Amino acid sequence: MPQLDTSTWFITIVSMIMTLFITFQLKISKYLYPSNPEPKSTITLKQSNPWEKKWTKIYSPLSLPQQ
């Protein structure tokens, strides 16, 4: 049974790791990140509903005149 030649394994593994590292660095460097991110404003504009413009009175059954 022949002996497995492992003399080239080290250079193969090192070159593969370097190639992966360079590939990922190039992929990541293509993204454009904002230089100074600003926080989003959490102030919401109040929407006026049509029923908020009118004054309405809610009659409770106890306040109605007796029949």
N, C-alpha and C. Protein backbone atom coordinates (compact mmCIF):
# COMPACT_ATOMS: atom_id res chain seq x y z
N MET A 1 0.85 -1.19 0.00
CA MET A 1 0.00 0.00 0.00
C MET A 1 0.89 1.24 0.00
N PRO A 2 0.67 2.18 -0.93
CA PRO A 2 1.57 3.34 -1.02
C PRO A 2 1.32 4.34 0.11
N GLN A 3 2.33 5.05 0.45
CA GLN A 3 2.26 6.07 1.51
C GLN A 3 1.63 7.33 0.94
N LEU A 4 0.75 7.96 1.73
CA LEU A 4 0.08 9.18 1.30
C LEU A 4 1.06 10.34 1.41
N ASP A 5 1.22 11.07 0.30
CA ASP A 5 2.16 12.19 0.28
C ASP A 5 1.46 13.43 0.84
N THR A 6 1.90 13.89 2.00
CA THR A 6 1.29 15.06 2.64
C THR A 6 2.19 16.28 2.58
N SER A 7 3.18 16.27 1.73
CA SER A 7 4.13 17.38 1.71
C SER A 7 3.50 18.67 1.15
N THR A 8 2.50 18.56 0.33
CA THR A 8 1.90 19.77 -0.26
C THR A 8 0.65 20.23 0.49
N TRP A 9 0.26 19.52 1.52
CA TRP A 9 -0.95 19.89 2.24
C TRP A 9 -0.85 21.26 2.89
N PHE A 10 0.27 21.55 3.48
CA PHE A 10 0.41 22.82 4.20
C PHE A 10 0.23 24.01 3.26
N ILE A 11 0.91 24.01 2.15
CA ILE A 11 0.80 25.14 1.21
C ILE A 11 -0.58 25.20 0.59
N THR A 12 -1.21 24.06 0.41
CA THR A 12 -2.57 24.04 -0.15
C THR A 12 -3.56 24.66 0.84
N ILE A 13 -3.47 24.27 2.09
CA ILE A 13 -4.39 24.79 3.11
C ILE A 13 -4.15 26.27 3.34
N VAL A 14 -2.90 26.68 3.41
CA VAL A 14 -2.59 28.10 3.64
C VAL A 14 -3.06 28.95 2.46
N SER A 15 -2.83 28.49 1.25
CA SER A 15 -3.27 29.27 0.09
C SER A 15 -4.79 29.32 0.01
N MET A 16 -5.48 28.25 0.41
CA MET A 16 -6.94 28.25 0.41
C MET A 16 -7.47 29.25 1.43
N ILE A 17 -6.90 29.27 2.62
CA ILE A 17 -7.35 30.21 3.66
C ILE A 17 -7.10 31.64 3.23
N MET A 18 -5.94 31.90 2.63
CA MET A 18 -5.65 33.27 2.16
C MET A 18 -6.59 33.68 1.04
N THR A 19 -6.90 32.76 0.15
CA THR A 19 -7.81 33.07 -0.95
C THR A 19 -9.21 33.38 -0.41
N LEU A 20 -9.66 32.59 0.55
CA LEU A 20 -10.97 32.86 1.16
C LEU A 20 -10.98 34.21 1.87
N PHE A 21 -9.91 34.50 2.59
CA PHE A 21 -9.82 35.77 3.31
C PHE A 21 -9.88 36.95 2.33
N ILE A 22 -9.10 36.87 1.27
CA ILE A 22 -9.07 37.96 0.28
C ILE A 22 -10.42 38.08 -0.42
N THR A 23 -11.04 36.96 -0.73
CA THR A 23 -12.34 37.00 -1.40
C THR A 23 -13.38 37.67 -0.51
N PHE A 24 -13.41 37.30 0.77
CA PHE A 24 -14.38 37.92 1.67
C PHE A 24 -14.08 39.39 1.91
N GLN A 25 -12.82 39.74 1.97
CA GLN A 25 -12.48 41.15 2.13
C GLN A 25 -12.95 41.97 0.93
N LEU A 26 -12.79 41.43 -0.25
CA LEU A 26 -13.24 42.14 -1.45
C LEU A 26 -14.76 42.24 -1.49
N LYS A 27 -15.44 41.19 -1.05
CA LYS A 27 -16.91 41.25 -1.03
C LYS A 27 -17.40 42.29 -0.03
N ILE A 28 -16.78 42.31 1.13
CA ILE A 28 -17.21 43.24 2.18
C ILE A 28 -16.88 44.68 1.79
N SER A 29 -15.77 44.89 1.10
CA SER A 29 -15.37 46.26 0.77
C SER A 29 -16.26 46.89 -0.29
N LYS A 30 -17.08 46.12 -0.97
CA LYS A 30 -17.96 46.67 -2.00
C LYS A 30 -19.19 47.34 -1.41
N TYR A 31 -19.52 47.05 -0.15
CA TYR A 31 -20.68 47.65 0.47
C TYR A 31 -20.36 49.09 0.86
N LEU A 32 -21.34 49.96 0.68
CA LEU A 32 -21.18 51.35 1.08
C LEU A 32 -21.91 51.56 2.40
N TYR A 33 -21.15 51.84 3.42
CA TYR A 33 -21.72 52.09 4.73
C TYR A 33 -21.78 53.59 4.95
N PRO A 34 -22.83 54.08 5.63
CA PRO A 34 -22.87 55.52 5.91
C PRO A 34 -21.75 55.91 6.86
N SER A 35 -21.13 57.03 6.57
CA SER A 35 -19.97 57.43 7.38
C SER A 35 -20.39 57.86 8.78
N ASN A 36 -21.51 58.58 8.87
CA ASN A 36 -21.96 59.03 10.18
C ASN A 36 -23.46 58.75 10.29
N PRO A 37 -23.84 57.61 10.81
CA PRO A 37 -25.27 57.29 10.86
C PRO A 37 -26.02 58.20 11.82
N GLU A 38 -27.14 58.68 11.37
CA GLU A 38 -27.97 59.57 12.19
C GLU A 38 -29.12 58.76 12.78
N PRO A 39 -29.47 59.03 14.02
CA PRO A 39 -30.62 58.32 14.60
C PRO A 39 -31.92 58.79 13.95
N LYS A 40 -32.82 57.88 13.77
CA LYS A 40 -34.10 58.22 13.18
C LYS A 40 -34.94 58.99 14.20
N SER A 41 -35.66 59.96 13.71
CA SER A 41 -36.52 60.72 14.60
C SER A 41 -37.75 59.88 14.93
N THR A 42 -38.10 59.89 16.20
CA THR A 42 -39.24 59.10 16.64
C THR A 42 -40.48 59.95 16.82
N ILE A 43 -40.42 61.20 16.39
CA ILE A 43 -41.57 62.10 16.51
C ILE A 43 -42.56 61.76 15.40
N THR A 44 -43.77 61.48 15.80
CA THR A 44 -44.80 61.15 14.81
C THR A 44 -45.73 62.35 14.66
N LEU A 45 -46.15 62.57 13.44
CA LEU A 45 -47.09 63.66 13.19
C LEU A 45 -48.49 63.21 13.58
N LYS A 46 -49.17 64.09 14.31
CA LYS A 46 -50.50 63.72 14.78
C LYS A 46 -51.49 63.85 13.62
N GLN A 47 -52.16 62.76 13.36
CA GLN A 47 -53.18 62.76 12.32
C GLN A 47 -54.50 63.17 12.95
N SER A 48 -55.13 64.16 12.36
CA SER A 48 -56.43 64.58 12.91
C SER A 48 -57.53 63.74 12.26
N ASN A 49 -58.33 63.16 13.10
CA ASN A 49 -59.45 62.36 12.63
C ASN A 49 -60.69 63.24 12.54
N PRO A 50 -61.59 62.92 11.66
CA PRO A 50 -62.78 63.78 11.53
C PRO A 50 -63.61 63.86 12.80
N TRP A 51 -63.62 62.78 13.58
CA TRP A 51 -64.42 62.82 14.81
C TRP A 51 -63.73 63.60 15.92
N GLU A 52 -62.46 63.91 15.77
CA GLU A 52 -61.79 64.72 16.78
C GLU A 52 -62.07 66.21 16.58
N LYS A 53 -62.52 66.60 15.40
CA LYS A 53 -62.81 68.01 15.14
C LYS A 53 -64.14 68.42 15.76
N LYS A 54 -65.05 67.50 15.91
CA LYS A 54 -66.38 67.81 16.42
C LYS A 54 -66.45 67.53 17.92
N TRP A 55 -67.27 68.32 18.57
CA TRP A 55 -67.53 68.04 19.97
C TRP A 55 -68.73 67.13 20.05
N THR A 56 -68.56 66.02 20.67
CA THR A 56 -69.68 65.07 20.78
C THR A 56 -69.96 64.82 22.25
N LYS A 57 -71.19 64.63 22.54
CA LYS A 57 -71.58 64.34 23.90
C LYS A 57 -72.08 62.90 23.96
N ILE A 58 -71.57 62.16 24.91
CA ILE A 58 -72.01 60.78 25.08
C ILE A 58 -73.01 60.77 26.22
N TYR A 59 -74.19 60.33 25.90
CA TYR A 59 -75.26 60.27 26.91
C TYR A 59 -75.22 58.94 27.61
N SER A 60 -75.07 58.97 28.88
CA SER A 60 -75.15 57.71 29.62
C SER A 60 -76.62 57.45 29.93
N PRO A 61 -77.01 56.22 30.04
CA PRO A 61 -78.43 55.91 30.29
C PRO A 61 -78.96 56.51 31.60
N LEU A 62 -78.08 56.72 32.56
CA LEU A 62 -78.57 57.26 33.85
C LEU A 62 -78.85 58.75 33.75
N SER A 63 -78.21 59.44 32.82
CA SER A 63 -78.44 60.89 32.73
C SER A 63 -79.59 61.25 31.82
N LEU A 64 -80.19 60.28 31.15
CA LEU A 64 -81.33 60.58 30.29
C LEU A 64 -82.56 60.83 31.15
N PRO A 65 -83.47 61.65 30.64
CA PRO A 65 -84.70 61.90 31.44
C PRO A 65 -85.54 60.63 31.56
N GLN A 66 -86.18 60.55 32.70
CA GLN A 66 -87.01 59.37 32.95
C GLN A 66 -88.25 59.43 32.05
N GLN A 67 -88.66 58.29 31.56
CA GLN A 67 -89.82 58.25 30.68
C GLN A 67 -91.02 57.70 31.40
